[in-house]
C-alpha atoms as a PDB file:
ATOM      1  CA  MET A   1     110.798  77.975 108.341  1.00  0.00           C
ATOM      2  CA  ALA A   2     113.327  79.253 105.452  1.00  0.00           C
ATOM      3  CA  SER A   3     112.635  80.722 101.965  1.00  0.00           C
ATOM      4  CA  GLY A   4     113.935  77.853  99.719  1.00  0.00           C
ATOM      5  CA  LYS A   5     116.844  79.262  97.197  1.00  0.00           C
ATOM      6  CA  SER A   6     114.487  78.162  94.258  1.00  0.00           C
ATOM      7  CA  TYR A   7     111.772  80.395  94.897  1.00  0.00           C
ATOM      8  CA  LEU A   8     114.086  83.116  95.009  1.00  0.00           C
ATOM      9  CA  ASP A   9     115.631  82.165  92.109  1.00  0.00           C
ATOM     10  CA  PHE A  10     112.041  82.215  90.233  1.00  0.00           C
ATOM     11  CA  ILE A  11     111.279  85.672  91.203  1.00  0.00           C
ATOM     12  CA  MET A  12     114.824  86.761  90.874  1.00  0.00           C
ATOM     13  CA  ASP A  13     114.112  86.004  87.228  1.00  0.00           C
ATOM     14  CA  GLN A  14     110.737  87.405  87.028  1.00  0.00           C
ATOM     15  CA  LEU A  15     112.452  90.838  87.733  1.00  0.00           C
ATOM     16  CA  SER A  16     115.389  89.928  85.163  1.00  0.00           C
ATOM     17  CA  GLY A  17     113.775  93.055  83.014  1.00  0.00           C
ATOM     18  CA  LEU A  18     115.061  95.807  85.565  1.00  0.00           C
ATOM     19  CA  ASP A  19     118.358  96.977  85.963  1.00  0.00           C
ATOM     20  CA  GLY A  20     119.625  97.427  89.100  1.00  0.00           C
ATOM     21  CA  ILE A  21     117.838  94.093  91.322  1.00  0.00           C
ATOM     22  CA  SER A  22     119.843  92.788  93.614  1.00  0.00           C
ATOM     23  CA  TRP A  23     119.297  91.006  96.798  1.00  0.00           C
ATOM     24  CA  ARG A  24     121.067  89.805 100.053  1.00  0.00           C
ATOM     25  CA  THR A  25     120.659  86.815 103.042  1.00  0.00           C
ATOM     26  CA  MET A  26     119.801  87.601 106.386  1.00  0.00           C
ATOM     27  CA  MET A  27     118.736  85.357 108.378  1.00  0.00           C
ATOM     28  CA  GLY A  28     117.522  82.390 106.413  1.00  0.00           C
ATOM     29  CA  GLU A  29     115.618  84.718 104.384  1.00  0.00           C
ATOM     30  CA  TYR A  30     116.236  87.296 101.159  1.00  0.00           C
ATOM     31  CA  ILE A  31     116.564  90.567 101.085  1.00  0.00           C
ATOM     32  CA  LEU A  32     115.521  92.232  97.653  1.00  0.00           C
ATOM     33  CA  TYR A  33     117.202  95.587  96.825  1.00  0.00           C
ATOM     34  CA  TYR A  34     116.172  97.535  93.320  1.00  0.00           C
ATOM     35  CA  LYS A  35     119.193 100.583  92.918  1.00  0.00           C
ATOM     36  CA  GLY A  36     120.117 100.840  96.073  1.00  0.00           C
ATOM     37  CA  LYS A  37     116.691 100.795  97.781  1.00  0.00           C
ATOM     38  CA  ILE A  38     115.368  97.812 100.550  1.00  0.00           C
ATOM     39  CA  VAL A  39     111.643  96.477  97.972  1.00  0.00           C
ATOM     40  CA  GLY A  40     111.013  93.774 100.792  1.00  0.00           C
ATOM     41  CA  GLY A  41     111.801  90.453 100.626  1.00  0.00           C
ATOM     42  CA  ILE A  42     111.554  86.511 100.724  1.00  0.00           C
ATOM     43  CA  TYR A  43     109.896  85.558 103.363  1.00  0.00           C
ATOM     44  CA  ASP A  44     108.702  81.390 104.127  1.00  0.00           C
ATOM     45  CA  ASP A  45     108.090  81.579  99.872  1.00  0.00           C
ATOM     46  CA  ARG A  46     106.243  84.797  99.911  1.00  0.00           C
ATOM     47  CA  PHE A  47     106.667  87.765  98.345  1.00  0.00           C
ATOM     48  CA  LEU A  48     106.137  90.594 100.623  1.00  0.00           C
ATOM     49  CA  VAL A  49     107.243  94.527 100.091  1.00  0.00           C
ATOM     50  CA  LYS A  50     106.953  97.753 101.825  1.00  0.00           C
ATOM     51  CA  PRO A  51     103.491  99.068 101.960  1.00  0.00           C
ATOM     52  CA  THR A  52     104.348 102.380  99.735  1.00  0.00           C
ATOM     53  CA  LYS A  53     102.234 104.533  98.070  1.00  0.00           C
ATOM     54  CA  SER A  54     102.837 102.968  95.035  1.00  0.00           C
ATOM     55  CA  ALA A  55     101.873  99.488  95.780  1.00  0.00           C
ATOM     56  CA  VAL A  56      98.966 100.561  97.508  1.00  0.00           C
ATOM     57  CA  SER A  57      97.776 101.796  94.896  1.00  0.00           C
ATOM     58  CA  MET A  58      98.737  99.423  92.500  1.00  0.00           C
ATOM     59  CA  MET A  59      97.426  96.131  94.972  1.00  0.00           C
ATOM     60  CA  PRO A  60      94.493  97.527  96.767  1.00  0.00           C
ATOM     61  CA  LYS A  61      93.109  94.203  97.702  1.00  0.00           C
ATOM     62  CA  ALA A  62      96.843  92.955  98.919  1.00  0.00           C
ATOM     63  CA  VAL A  63      97.041  90.977 102.173  1.00  0.00           C
ATOM     64  CA  LYS A  64      98.847  92.813 104.552  1.00  0.00           C
ATOM     65  CA  GLU A  65     101.917  89.544 106.318  1.00  0.00           C
ATOM     66  CA  LEU A  66     104.093  89.899 108.564  1.00  0.00           C
ATOM     67  CA  PRO A  67     107.865  88.699 107.023  1.00  0.00           C
ATOM     68  CA  TYR A  68     108.474  87.894 110.313  1.00  0.00           C
ATOM     69  CA  GLU A  69     107.617  87.830 114.273  1.00  0.00           C
ATOM     70  CA  GLY A  70     108.238  91.699 115.550  1.00  0.00           C
ATOM     71  CA  ALA A  71     108.505  92.691 111.795  1.00  0.00           C
ATOM     72  CA  LYS A  72     106.242  95.764 110.155  1.00  0.00           C
ATOM     73  CA  ALA A  73     103.414  94.335 108.295  1.00  0.00           C
ATOM     74  CA  MET A  74     104.453  94.191 104.706  1.00  0.00           C
ATOM     75  CA  LEU A  75     102.108  93.346 101.434  1.00  0.00           C
ATOM     76  CA  LEU A  76     101.901  89.886  99.858  1.00  0.00           C
ATOM     77  CA  VAL A  77     102.466  90.023  96.223  1.00  0.00           C
ATOM     78  CA  ASP A  78     100.217  86.959  95.134  1.00  0.00           C
ATOM     79  CA  ASP A  79     100.124  87.581  91.284  1.00  0.00           C
ATOM     80  CA  VAL A  80     104.048  86.732  90.985  1.00  0.00           C
ATOM     81  CA  GLU A  81     103.983  85.098  87.309  1.00  0.00           C
ATOM     82  CA  ASP A  82     102.794  88.647  85.566  1.00  0.00           C
ATOM     83  CA  ARG A  83     106.599  89.695  84.614  1.00  0.00           C
ATOM     84  CA  THR A  84     105.345  93.106  83.414  1.00  0.00           C
ATOM     85  CA  PHE A  85     103.267  94.414  86.714  1.00  0.00           C
ATOM     86  CA  LEU A  86     106.393  93.330  89.706  1.00  0.00           C
ATOM     87  CA  GLU A  87     108.156  95.521  86.479  1.00  0.00           C
ATOM     88  CA  THR A  88     105.681  97.920  86.900  1.00  0.00           C
ATOM     89  CA  LEU A  89     105.470  97.249  90.641  1.00  0.00           C
ATOM     90  CA  LEU A  90     108.629  98.369  91.766  1.00  0.00           C
ATOM     91  CA  THR A  91     109.380 101.211  89.116  1.00  0.00           C
ATOM     92  CA  ALA A  92     106.865 102.649  90.618  1.00  0.00           C
ATOM     93  CA  MET A  93     107.813 101.925  94.667  1.00  0.00           C
ATOM     94  CA  TYR A  94     111.660 102.883  93.899  1.00  0.00           C
ATOM     95  CA  GLU A  95     110.227 107.216  94.813  1.00  0.00           C
ATOM     96  CA  ASP A  96     108.480 106.471  96.837  1.00  0.00           C
ATOM     97  CA  LEU A  97     111.835 104.550  99.132  1.00  0.00           C
ATOM     98  CA  PRO A  98     114.197 106.242 101.272  1.00  0.00           C
ATOM     99  CA  ALA A  99     117.583 106.487 100.243  1.00  0.00           C
ATOM    100  CA  PRO A 100     119.763 103.967 101.498  1.00  0.00           C
ATOM    101  CA  LYS A 101     121.367 104.094 104.812  1.00  0.00           C
ATOM    102  CA  LYS A 102     125.105 105.590 104.926  1.00  0.00           C
ATOM    103  CA  GLN A 103     127.251 102.604 106.065  1.00  0.00           C
ATOM    104  CA  LYS A 104     129.911 104.237 109.027  1.00  0.00           C
END
């Protein structure tokens, strides 16, 4: 089941206080970037983030879910109503994430 654009729009609105947030469509789902680094995505109308040290620390009881079959497990963000939490989460995750791969 592909994600709806309306859910993406909601999450992007919740993250609108951060500079450098962007998204890209990938096979009916949406990959989310923060300052050029992949932080997670919208999969089946669920906001999932990479299980970085900071994300696990901020969401110790978060459920790990697969974004799609064969993928690595990611953390389900269930408190999507709290803008401040979401912004703090992505800001904290940024330092834990690897630099973007250079295009050939």
